[in-house]
């Protein structure tokens, strides 16, 4: 495995650059640079990301490669459930994640939940290498960090997988939560004994189940999109709101999210090709071609 970057900084996406910036903020910068040449010479032979653990095999000066392991605590299930509810409640996050992209605002969502997405201190990382070097990180660990950042570039969900949620599981949860919050068929309104739908809405004081995001007998799901903001607003007669008709009912954020994405987004959704047809090398060649076509 070789680093795709042949000079300068490694990492092109905001999440991989942020990951390396965080590591360098731990005063590991000079030690990290020792592994950059290892990463670019292809001396990382294997890299596997699993929940809470990254394992790699790095060829050093000896005949037998060294075994590297980097551990980071996974988020508990209850915390992931809270984050998933927060993400599903906003169509922006669901759209970006379902499209295979990580919006920069994602880091703030995790921070608000009390779980920083990136390591908050060097002590949070457990670093082990079978080499005789006493320095931590040694150049074999440093090379692994660089290749790990590029693995995050190729598949951003690897970062979330390291924290305990794989791509398929996370996206399935978001789809289920979004469906429960917005599916009108699943939000049966209350009925009277005769089976006639009971009135709902602001005039009766009973919230519409579709707006509240609740299904009778099921776990409540937070409302999504505009319903999340509008559900708690009082009903105002139209003749009393003419002067504010074209204004938002609540203040808009200073920097609304955007759906701007790179031209190679499809490659992120498909993942790396099999080694038999070119593996990560083919993926990088396709990525450069997509960017070239996107500029033309």
C-alpha atoms as a PDB file:
ATOM      1  CA  UNK A   1       0.000   0.000   0.000  1.00  0.00           C
ATOM      2  CA  UNK A   2       1.396   3.391  -1.019  1.00  0.00           C
ATOM      3  CA  UNK A   3       0.262   6.836  -0.021  1.00  0.00           C
ATOM      4  CA  UNK A   4      -1.461   8.502  -2.970  1.00  0.00           C
ATOM      5  CA  UNK A   5       0.177  11.811  -2.077  1.00  0.00           C
ATOM      6  CA  UNK A   6       3.725  11.965  -3.435  1.00  0.00           C
ATOM      7  CA  UNK A   7       4.642  15.359  -1.954  1.00  0.00           C
ATOM      8  CA  UNK A   8       3.370  17.923   0.515  1.00  0.00           C
ATOM      9  CA  UNK A   9       0.522  17.218   2.897  1.00  0.00           C
ATOM     10  CA  UNK A  10      -1.315  13.909   3.038  1.00  0.00           C
ATOM     11  CA  UNK A  11      -5.113  13.894   3.107  1.00  0.00           C
ATOM     12  CA  UNK A  12      -7.493  15.883   0.893  1.00  0.00           C
ATOM     13  CA  UNK A  13     -10.899  15.715   2.608  1.00  0.00           C
ATOM     14  CA  UNK A  14     -11.795  17.805   5.630  1.00  0.00           C
ATOM     15  CA  UNK A  15     -12.101  14.725   7.846  1.00  0.00           C
ATOM     16  CA  UNK A  16      -8.699  13.223   6.971  1.00  0.00           C
ATOM     17  CA  UNK A  17      -6.944  16.594   7.282  1.00  0.00           C
ATOM     18  CA  UNK A  18      -8.724  17.202  10.569  1.00  0.00           C
ATOM     19  CA  UNK A  19      -7.618  13.796  11.822  1.00  0.00           C
ATOM     20  CA  UNK A  20      -3.960  14.561  11.080  1.00  0.00           C
ATOM     21  CA  UNK A  21      -4.264  18.092  12.492  1.00  0.00           C
ATOM     22  CA  UNK A  22      -5.578  16.649  15.748  1.00  0.00           C
ATOM     23  CA  UNK A  23      -2.668  14.199  15.931  1.00  0.00           C
ATOM     24  CA  UNK A  24      -0.154  16.966  15.269  1.00  0.00           C
ATOM     25  CA  UNK A  25      -1.759  19.090  17.992  1.00  0.00           C
ATOM     26  CA  UNK A  26      -0.661  16.401  20.463  1.00  0.00           C
ATOM     27  CA  UNK A  27       2.962  17.445  19.776  1.00  0.00           C
ATOM     28  CA  UNK A  28       3.433  14.369  17.592  1.00  0.00           C
ATOM     29  CA  UNK A  29       4.191  16.369  14.460  1.00  0.00           C
ATOM     30  CA  UNK A  30       7.943  15.741  14.255  1.00  0.00           C
ATOM     31  CA  UNK A  31       7.492  12.065  15.032  1.00  0.00           C
ATOM     32  CA  UNK A  32       4.687  11.689  12.527  1.00  0.00           C
ATOM     33  CA  UNK A  33       6.853  13.027   9.711  1.00  0.00           C
ATOM     34  CA  UNK A  34       9.301  10.142  10.173  1.00  0.00           C
ATOM     35  CA  UNK A  35       6.668   7.750   8.899  1.00  0.00           C
ATOM     36  CA  UNK A  36       5.700   9.814   5.865  1.00  0.00           C
ATOM     37  CA  UNK A  37       8.448   8.360   3.687  1.00  0.00           C
ATOM     38  CA  UNK A  38       7.489   4.857   4.856  1.00  0.00           C
ATOM     39  CA  UNK A  39       3.893   5.512   3.808  1.00  0.00           C
ATOM     40  CA  UNK A  40       4.963   6.838   0.398  1.00  0.00           C
ATOM     41  CA  UNK A  41       7.370   3.968  -0.264  1.00  0.00           C
ATOM     42  CA  UNK A  42       4.617   1.403   0.239  1.00  0.00           C
ATOM     43  CA  UNK A  43       6.011  -0.151   3.401  1.00  0.00           C
ATOM     44  CA  UNK A  44       2.557  -0.473   4.955  1.00  0.00           C
ATOM     45  CA  UNK A  45       1.597  -3.931   3.715  1.00  0.00           C
ATOM     46  CA  UNK A  46      -1.841  -4.262   5.282  1.00  0.00           C
ATOM     47  CA  UNK A  47      -4.348  -1.953   6.991  1.00  0.00           C
ATOM     48  CA  UNK A  48      -7.587  -3.116   8.610  1.00  0.00           C
ATOM     49  CA  UNK A  49     -10.125  -0.881  10.378  1.00  0.00           C
ATOM     50  CA  UNK A  50     -12.536  -2.477  12.845  1.00  0.00           C
ATOM     51  CA  UNK A  51     -14.613  -0.926  15.662  1.00  0.00           C
ATOM     52  CA  UNK A  52     -12.169   0.469  18.206  1.00  0.00           C
ATOM     53  CA  UNK A  53      -9.067  -0.912  16.504  1.00  0.00           C
ATOM     54  CA  UNK A  54      -6.776  -0.351  13.526  1.00  0.00           C
ATOM     55  CA  UNK A  55      -4.288  -3.109  12.721  1.00  0.00           C
ATOM     56  CA  UNK A  56      -1.483  -2.840  10.192  1.00  0.00           C
ATOM     57  CA  UNK A  57       1.600  -4.695   9.026  1.00  0.00           C
ATOM     58  CA  UNK A  58       4.575  -2.455   8.259  1.00  0.00           C
ATOM     59  CA  UNK A  59       7.818  -3.551   6.622  1.00  0.00           C
ATOM     60  CA  UNK A  60      10.798  -2.151   8.491  1.00  0.00           C
ATOM     61  CA  UNK A  61      14.531  -2.750   8.246  1.00  0.00           C
ATOM     62  CA  UNK A  62      14.214  -6.388   9.312  1.00  0.00           C
ATOM     63  CA  UNK A  63      12.968  -9.254   7.172  1.00  0.00           C
ATOM     64  CA  UNK A  64       9.861  -9.834   9.259  1.00  0.00           C
ATOM     65  CA  UNK A  65       7.282  -7.002   9.105  1.00  0.00           C
ATOM     66  CA  UNK A  66       6.223  -5.284  12.310  1.00  0.00           C
ATOM     67  CA  UNK A  67       2.710  -5.554  13.711  1.00  0.00           C
ATOM     68  CA  UNK A  68       1.010  -2.232  14.506  1.00  0.00           C
ATOM     69  CA  UNK A  69      -2.159  -1.678  16.493  1.00  0.00           C
ATOM     70  CA  UNK A  70      -3.963   1.626  17.240  1.00  0.00           C
ATOM     71  CA  UNK A  71      -6.988   1.548  19.509  1.00  0.00           C
ATOM     72  CA  UNK A  72      -9.627   4.231  20.094  1.00  0.00           C
ATOM     73  CA  UNK A  73     -12.683   3.708  22.350  1.00  0.00           C
ATOM     74  CA  UNK A  74     -15.928   3.106  20.496  1.00  0.00           C
ATOM     75  CA  UNK A  75     -18.987   5.152  21.384  1.00  0.00           C
ATOM     76  CA  UNK A  76     -21.558   3.286  23.516  1.00  0.00           C
ATOM     77  CA  UNK A  77     -24.811   2.195  21.875  1.00  0.00           C
ATOM     78  CA  UNK A  78     -26.919   4.763  23.763  1.00  0.00           C
ATOM     79  CA  UNK A  79     -24.745   7.602  22.489  1.00  0.00           C
ATOM     80  CA  UNK A  80     -24.907   6.340  18.913  1.00  0.00           C
ATOM     81  CA  UNK A  81     -28.698   6.183  19.192  1.00  0.00           C
ATOM     82  CA  UNK A  82     -28.797   9.817  20.287  1.00  0.00           C
ATOM     83  CA  UNK A  83     -26.509  10.876  17.426  1.00  0.00           C
ATOM     84  CA  UNK A  84     -28.588   8.905  14.928  1.00  0.00           C
ATOM     85  CA  UNK A  85     -31.776  10.600  16.122  1.00  0.00           C
ATOM     86  CA  UNK A  86     -30.129  14.014  15.786  1.00  0.00           C
ATOM     87  CA  UNK A  87     -28.913  13.192  12.278  1.00  0.00           C
ATOM     88  CA  UNK A  88     -32.237  11.731  11.146  1.00  0.00           C
ATOM     89  CA  UNK A  89     -34.099  14.793  12.417  1.00  0.00           C
ATOM     90  CA  UNK A  90     -32.435  16.960   9.749  1.00  0.00           C
ATOM     91  CA  UNK A  91     -32.839  16.031   6.108  1.00  0.00           C
ATOM     92  CA  UNK A  92     -29.524  17.733   5.314  1.00  0.00           C
ATOM     93  CA  UNK A  93     -27.475  15.201   7.286  1.00  0.00           C
ATOM     94  CA  UNK A  94     -29.433  12.215   6.048  1.00  0.00           C
ATOM     95  CA  UNK A  95     -29.064  13.326   2.423  1.00  0.00           C
ATOM     96  CA  UNK A  96     -25.320  13.837   2.698  1.00  0.00           C
ATOM     97  CA  UNK A  97     -24.666  10.581   4.559  1.00  0.00           C
ATOM     98  CA  UNK A  98     -26.913   8.543   2.277  1.00  0.00           C
ATOM     99  CA  UNK A  99     -24.963  10.052  -0.627  1.00  0.00           C
ATOM    100  CA  UNK A 100     -21.708   8.766   0.884  1.00  0.00           C
ATOM    101  CA  UNK A 101     -20.370  12.088   2.143  1.00  0.00           C
ATOM    102  CA  UNK A 102     -19.579  13.505   5.598  1.00  0.00           C
ATOM    103  CA  UNK A 103     -20.657  17.132   6.053  1.00  0.00           C
ATOM    104  CA  UNK A 104     -18.335  19.300   8.119  1.00  0.00           C
ATOM    105  CA  UNK A 105     -21.215  20.039  10.504  1.00  0.00           C
ATOM    106  CA  UNK A 106     -21.111  16.379  11.557  1.00  0.00           C
ATOM    107  CA  UNK A 107     -18.274  17.112  13.953  1.00  0.00           C
ATOM    108  CA  UNK A 108     -20.484  19.609  15.800  1.00  0.00           C
ATOM    109  CA  UNK A 109     -23.284  17.037  16.129  1.00  0.00           C
ATOM    110  CA  UNK A 110     -20.931  14.633  17.901  1.00  0.00           C
ATOM    111  CA  UNK A 111     -19.525  17.434  20.075  1.00  0.00           C
ATOM    112  CA  UNK A 112     -23.044  18.463  21.147  1.00  0.00           C
ATOM    113  CA  UNK A 113     -23.692  14.852  22.148  1.00  0.00           C
ATOM    114  CA  UNK A 114     -20.621  14.953  24.409  1.00  0.00           C
ATOM    115  CA  UNK A 115     -18.602  12.635  22.177  1.00  0.00           C
ATOM    116  CA  UNK A 116     -15.920  14.334  20.061  1.00  0.00           C
ATOM    117  CA  UNK A 117     -15.576  12.521  16.755  1.00  0.00           C
ATOM    118  CA  UNK A 118     -11.775  12.823  16.813  1.00  0.00           C
ATOM    119  CA  UNK A 119      -9.482  11.911  19.729  1.00  0.00           C
ATOM    120  CA  UNK A 120      -9.527  14.625  22.376  1.00  0.00           C
ATOM    121  CA  UNK A 121      -6.127  13.688  23.800  1.00  0.00           C
ATOM    122  CA  UNK A 122      -3.165  11.456  23.039  1.00  0.00           C
ATOM    123  CA  UNK A 123      -4.023   9.308  26.070  1.00  0.00           C
ATOM    124  CA  UNK A 124      -7.257   8.328  24.306  1.00  0.00           C
ATOM    125  CA  UNK A 125      -5.198   6.460  21.708  1.00  0.00           C
ATOM    126  CA  UNK A 126      -3.524   3.163  22.550  1.00  0.00           C
ATOM    127  CA  UNK A 127      -0.531   2.716  20.231  1.00  0.00           C
ATOM    128  CA  UNK A 128       1.456  -0.509  19.992  1.00  0.00           C
ATOM    129  CA  UNK A 129       4.166  -1.686  17.613  1.00  0.00           C
ATOM    130  CA  UNK A 130       6.255  -4.855  17.744  1.00  0.00           C
ATOM    131  CA  UNK A 131       9.440  -2.973  16.756  1.00  0.00           C
ATOM    132  CA  UNK A 132      12.201  -2.327  19.339  1.00  0.00           C
ATOM    133  CA  UNK A 133      11.859   1.475  19.061  1.00  0.00           C
ATOM    134  CA  UNK A 134      10.799   3.050  22.373  1.00  0.00           C
ATOM    135  CA  UNK A 135       9.396   6.203  20.734  1.00  0.00           C
ATOM    136  CA  UNK A 136       5.616   6.485  20.526  1.00  0.00           C
ATOM    137  CA  UNK A 137       4.640   6.841  17.803  1.00  0.00           C
ATOM    138  CA  UNK A 138       7.519   5.125  16.052  1.00  0.00           C
ATOM    139  CA  UNK A 139       7.879   5.518  12.285  1.00  0.00           C
ATOM    140  CA  UNK A 140       5.803   2.364  11.733  1.00  0.00           C
ATOM    141  CA  UNK A 141       2.920   3.779  13.768  1.00  0.00           C
ATOM    142  CA  UNK A 142       3.349   7.143  12.028  1.00  0.00           C
ATOM    143  CA  UNK A 143       3.189   5.501   8.589  1.00  0.00           C
ATOM    144  CA  UNK A 144      -0.004   3.748   9.678  1.00  0.00           C
ATOM    145  CA  UNK A 145      -1.545   7.083  10.725  1.00  0.00           C
ATOM    146  CA  UNK A 146      -0.845   8.545   7.282  1.00  0.00           C
ATOM    147  CA  UNK A 147      -2.320   5.551   5.441  1.00  0.00           C
ATOM    148  CA  UNK A 148      -5.278   5.620   7.823  1.00  0.00           C
ATOM    149  CA  UNK A 149      -5.943   9.264   6.887  1.00  0.00           C
ATOM    150  CA  UNK A 150      -5.934   8.298   3.208  1.00  0.00           C
ATOM    151  CA  UNK A 151      -8.243   5.374   3.976  1.00  0.00           C
ATOM    152  CA  UNK A 152     -10.636   7.957   5.437  1.00  0.00           C
ATOM    153  CA  UNK A 153     -10.318   9.918   2.169  1.00  0.00           C
ATOM    154  CA  UNK A 154     -11.286   6.857   0.122  1.00  0.00           C
ATOM    155  CA  UNK A 155     -14.148   5.832   2.428  1.00  0.00           C
ATOM    156  CA  UNK A 156     -15.239   8.405   5.025  1.00  0.00           C
ATOM    157  CA  UNK A 157     -17.397   5.818   6.779  1.00  0.00           C
ATOM    158  CA  UNK A 158     -14.203   4.101   7.937  1.00  0.00           C
ATOM    159  CA  UNK A 159     -13.859   6.903  10.488  1.00  0.00           C
ATOM    160  CA  UNK A 160     -17.336   6.210  11.862  1.00  0.00           C
ATOM    161  CA  UNK A 161     -16.680   2.449  11.680  1.00  0.00           C
ATOM    162  CA  UNK A 162     -13.612   2.958  13.893  1.00  0.00           C
ATOM    163  CA  UNK A 163     -15.918   4.689  16.375  1.00  0.00           C
ATOM    164  CA  UNK A 164     -18.313   1.763  16.387  1.00  0.00           C
ATOM    165  CA  UNK A 165     -20.864   2.240  13.567  1.00  0.00           C
ATOM    166  CA  UNK A 166     -20.432   0.651  10.163  1.00  0.00           C
ATOM    167  CA  UNK A 167     -21.768   2.197   6.967  1.00  0.00           C
ATOM    168  CA  UNK A 168     -24.628  -0.282   6.422  1.00  0.00           C
ATOM    169  CA  UNK A 169     -25.838  -0.201  10.019  1.00  0.00           C
ATOM    170  CA  UNK A 170     -25.755   3.606  10.242  1.00  0.00           C
ATOM    171  CA  UNK A 171     -27.552   4.166   6.937  1.00  0.00           C
ATOM    172  CA  UNK A 172     -30.178   1.536   7.753  1.00  0.00           C
ATOM    173  CA  UNK A 173     -30.854   3.285  11.060  1.00  0.00           C
ATOM    174  CA  UNK A 174     -31.161   6.683   9.377  1.00  0.00           C
ATOM    175  CA  UNK A 175     -33.552   5.326   6.763  1.00  0.00           C
ATOM    176  CA  UNK A 176     -35.709   3.723   9.461  1.00  0.00           C
ATOM    177  CA  UNK A 177     -35.780   6.851  11.605  1.00  0.00           C
ATOM    178  CA  UNK A 178     -36.551   9.087   8.637  1.00  0.00           C
ATOM    179  CA  UNK A 179     -39.331   6.770   7.502  1.00  0.00           C
ATOM    180  CA  UNK A 180     -40.855   6.721  10.983  1.00  0.00           C
ATOM    181  CA  UNK A 181     -40.712  10.511  11.209  1.00  0.00           C
ATOM    182  CA  UNK A 182     -42.134  11.390   7.795  1.00  0.00           C
ATOM    183  CA  UNK A 183     -44.282   8.491   6.527  1.00  0.00           C
ATOM    184  CA  UNK A 184     -47.900   9.677   6.625  1.00  0.00           C
ATOM    185  CA  UNK A 185     -49.193   6.100   6.346  1.00  0.00           C
ATOM    186  CA  UNK A 186     -47.405   5.118   9.533  1.00  0.00           C
ATOM    187  CA  UNK A 187     -48.709   8.061  11.546  1.00  0.00           C
ATOM    188  CA  UNK A 188     -52.261   6.918  12.158  1.00  0.00           C
ATOM    189  CA  UNK A 189     -54.266   9.649  13.827  1.00  0.00           C
ATOM    190  CA  UNK A 190     -56.289   9.018  16.930  1.00  0.00           C
ATOM    191  CA  UNK A 191     -59.795   7.732  16.301  1.00  0.00           C
ATOM    192  CA  UNK A 192     -62.968   7.812  18.295  1.00  0.00           C
ATOM    193  CA  UNK A 193     -64.770   4.563  19.224  1.00  0.00           C
ATOM    194  CA  UNK A 194     -66.770   4.744  15.972  1.00  0.00           C
ATOM    195  CA  UNK A 195     -63.576   4.714  13.941  1.00  0.00           C
ATOM    196  CA  UNK A 196     -63.861   8.328  12.792  1.00  0.00           C
ATOM    197  CA  UNK A 197     -60.514  10.149  12.752  1.00  0.00           C
ATOM    198  CA  UNK A 198     -60.357  12.560  15.650  1.00  0.00           C
ATOM    199  CA  UNK A 199     -59.499  16.166  14.854  1.00  0.00           C
ATOM    200  CA  UNK A 200     -55.904  17.178  15.321  1.00  0.00           C
ATOM    201  CA  UNK A 201     -53.696  20.191  14.894  1.00  0.00           C
ATOM    202  CA  UNK A 202     -53.288  23.541  16.592  1.00  0.00           C
ATOM    203  CA  UNK A 203     -57.035  24.213  16.866  1.00  0.00           C
ATOM    204  CA  UNK A 204     -57.601  21.219  19.127  1.00  0.00           C
ATOM    205  CA  UNK A 205     -54.345  21.243  21.038  1.00  0.00           C
ATOM    206  CA  UNK A 206     -53.563  17.708  19.847  1.00  0.00           C
ATOM    207  CA  UNK A 207     -50.479  17.562  17.601  1.00  0.00           C
ATOM    208  CA  UNK A 208     -50.725  15.778  14.290  1.00  0.00           C
ATOM    209  CA  UNK A 209     -48.909  12.438  14.520  1.00  0.00           C
ATOM    210  CA  UNK A 210     -47.197  13.077  11.204  1.00  0.00           C
ATOM    211  CA  UNK A 211     -45.743  16.321  12.559  1.00  0.00           C
ATOM    212  CA  UNK A 212     -44.866  14.902  15.949  1.00  0.00           C
ATOM    213  CA  UNK A 213     -43.139  11.962  14.296  1.00  0.00           C
ATOM    214  CA  UNK A 214     -44.899   9.455  16.535  1.00  0.00           C
ATOM    215  CA  UNK A 215     -46.587   6.164  15.722  1.00  0.00           C
ATOM    216  CA  UNK A 216     -49.087   4.645  18.213  1.00  0.00           C
ATOM    217  CA  UNK A 217     -47.416   1.882  20.176  1.00  0.00           C
ATOM    218  CA  UNK A 218     -43.956   2.667  18.793  1.00  0.00           C
ATOM    219  CA  UNK A 219     -40.981   4.479  20.210  1.00  0.00           C
ATOM    220  CA  UNK A 220     -41.351   8.242  19.625  1.00  0.00           C
ATOM    221  CA  UNK A 221     -39.222   9.544  16.766  1.00  0.00           C
ATOM    222  CA  UNK A 222     -38.297  13.233  16.603  1.00  0.00           C
ATOM    223  CA  UNK A 223     -39.900  15.280  13.877  1.00  0.00           C
ATOM    224  CA  UNK A 224     -37.732  15.970  10.868  1.00  0.00           C
ATOM    225  CA  UNK A 225     -37.052  18.996   8.706  1.00  0.00           C
ATOM    226  CA  UNK A 226     -39.455  21.927   8.918  1.00  0.00           C
ATOM    227  CA  UNK A 227     -41.860  19.963  11.111  1.00  0.00           C
ATOM    228  CA  UNK A 228     -39.228  19.941  13.848  1.00  0.00           C
ATOM    229  CA  UNK A 229     -39.209  23.746  13.941  1.00  0.00           C
ATOM    230  CA  UNK A 230     -42.878  24.447  13.272  1.00  0.00           C
ATOM    231  CA  UNK A 231     -44.471  21.829  15.545  1.00  0.00           C
ATOM    232  CA  UNK A 232     -44.181  23.923  18.708  1.00  0.00           C
ATOM    233  CA  UNK A 233     -45.247  27.267  17.240  1.00  0.00           C
ATOM    234  CA  UNK A 234     -48.666  28.649  18.219  1.00  0.00           C
ATOM    235  CA  UNK A 235     -51.348  29.003  15.553  1.00  0.00           C
ATOM    236  CA  UNK A 236     -51.691  32.671  14.505  1.00  0.00           C
ATOM    237  CA  UNK A 237     -54.673  33.843  12.434  1.00  0.00           C
ATOM    238  CA  UNK A 238     -53.604  34.931   8.976  1.00  0.00           C
ATOM    239  CA  UNK A 239     -54.981  38.473   9.351  1.00  0.00           C
ATOM    240  CA  UNK A 240     -52.646  38.953  12.319  1.00  0.00           C
ATOM    241  CA  UNK A 241     -49.553  37.753  10.476  1.00  0.00           C
ATOM    242  CA  UNK A 242     -49.795  39.623   7.159  1.00  0.00           C
ATOM    243  CA  UNK A 243     -46.783  41.818   7.949  1.00  0.00           C
ATOM    244  CA  UNK A 244     -44.653  38.701   8.578  1.00  0.00           C
ATOM    245  CA  UNK A 245     -46.065  36.425   5.889  1.00  0.00           C
ATOM    246  CA  UNK A 246     -42.850  36.345   3.825  1.00  0.00           C
ATOM    247  CA  UNK A 247     -40.536  36.138   6.840  1.00  0.00           C
ATOM    248  CA  UNK A 248     -39.335  32.918   8.488  1.00  0.00           C
ATOM    249  CA  UNK A 249     -41.249  31.997  11.669  1.00  0.00           C
ATOM    250  CA  UNK A 250     -37.954  31.378  13.470  1.00  0.00           C
ATOM    251  CA  UNK A 251     -34.486  32.896  12.908  1.00  0.00           C
ATOM    252  CA  UNK A 252     -32.486  31.172  10.189  1.00  0.00           C
ATOM    253  CA  UNK A 253     -28.942  29.929  10.908  1.00  0.00           C
ATOM    254  CA  UNK A 254     -26.116  32.291  10.038  1.00  0.00           C
ATOM    255  CA  UNK A 255     -24.484  29.699   7.784  1.00  0.00           C
ATOM    256  CA  UNK A 256     -27.077  27.341   6.338  1.00  0.00           C
ATOM    257  CA  UNK A 257     -25.724  23.948   5.255  1.00  0.00           C
ATOM    258  CA  UNK A 258     -25.132  23.307   1.577  1.00  0.00           C
ATOM    259  CA  UNK A 259     -25.234  20.173  -0.511  1.00  0.00           C
ATOM    260  CA  UNK A 260     -22.079  20.964  -2.478  1.00  0.00           C
ATOM    261  CA  UNK A 261     -20.250  17.712  -3.185  1.00  0.00           C
ATOM    262  CA  UNK A 262     -17.192  16.671  -5.128  1.00  0.00           C
ATOM    263  CA  UNK A 263     -17.426  15.089  -8.594  1.00  0.00           C
ATOM    264  CA  UNK A 264     -16.014  11.795  -7.284  1.00  0.00           C
ATOM    265  CA  UNK A 265     -18.869  11.245  -4.802  1.00  0.00           C
ATOM    266  CA  UNK A 266     -20.031   8.084  -6.601  1.00  0.00           C
ATOM    267  CA  UNK A 267     -16.643   6.464  -5.976  1.00  0.00           C
ATOM    268  CA  UNK A 268     -17.061   6.980  -2.236  1.00  0.00           C
ATOM    269  CA  UNK A 269     -20.383   5.176  -2.298  1.00  0.00           C
ATOM    270  CA  UNK A 270     -19.023   2.181  -4.210  1.00  0.00           C
ATOM    271  CA  UNK A 271     -15.881   1.675  -2.148  1.00  0.00           C
ATOM    272  CA  UNK A 272     -12.512   0.386  -3.331  1.00  0.00           C
ATOM    273  CA  UNK A 273     -12.490  -2.094  -6.253  1.00  0.00           C
ATOM    274  CA  UNK A 274     -11.316  -5.640  -5.694  1.00  0.00           C
ATOM    275  CA  UNK A 275      -7.541  -6.220  -5.948  1.00  0.00           C
ATOM    276  CA  UNK A 276      -8.103  -8.365  -9.039  1.00  0.00           C
ATOM    277  CA  UNK A 277      -9.215  -5.319 -11.056  1.00  0.00           C
ATOM    278  CA  UNK A 278      -6.799  -2.765  -9.630  1.00  0.00           C
ATOM    279  CA  UNK A 279      -7.782  -2.174  -5.998  1.00  0.00           C
ATOM    280  CA  UNK A 280      -7.109   1.246  -4.431  1.00  0.00           C
ATOM    281  CA  UNK A 281      -4.794   2.175  -7.324  1.00  0.00           C
ATOM    282  CA  UNK A 282      -7.660   1.960  -9.806  1.00  0.00           C
ATOM    283  CA  UNK A 283      -9.850   3.941  -7.419  1.00  0.00           C
ATOM    284  CA  UNK A 284      -7.325   6.776  -7.315  1.00  0.00           C
ATOM    285  CA  UNK A 285      -6.975   6.851 -11.124  1.00  0.00           C
ATOM    286  CA  UNK A 286     -10.751   7.032 -11.469  1.00  0.00           C
ATOM    287  CA  UNK A 287     -10.892   9.778  -8.830  1.00  0.00           C
ATOM    288  CA  UNK A 288      -8.385  11.917 -10.774  1.00  0.00           C
ATOM    289  CA  UNK A 289     -10.373  11.342 -13.973  1.00  0.00           C
ATOM    290  CA  UNK A 290     -13.645  12.372 -12.306  1.00  0.00           C
ATOM    291  CA  UNK A 291     -12.044  15.580 -11.020  1.00  0.00           C
ATOM    292  CA  UNK A 292     -10.627  16.366 -14.453  1.00  0.00           C
ATOM    293  CA  UNK A 293     -14.018  15.825 -16.102  1.00  0.00           C
ATOM    294  CA  UNK A 294     -15.681  17.911 -13.410  1.00  0.00           C
ATOM    295  CA  UNK A 295     -13.477  20.922 -14.249  1.00  0.00           C
ATOM    296  CA  UNK A 296     -14.065  20.656 -17.997  1.00  0.00           C
END
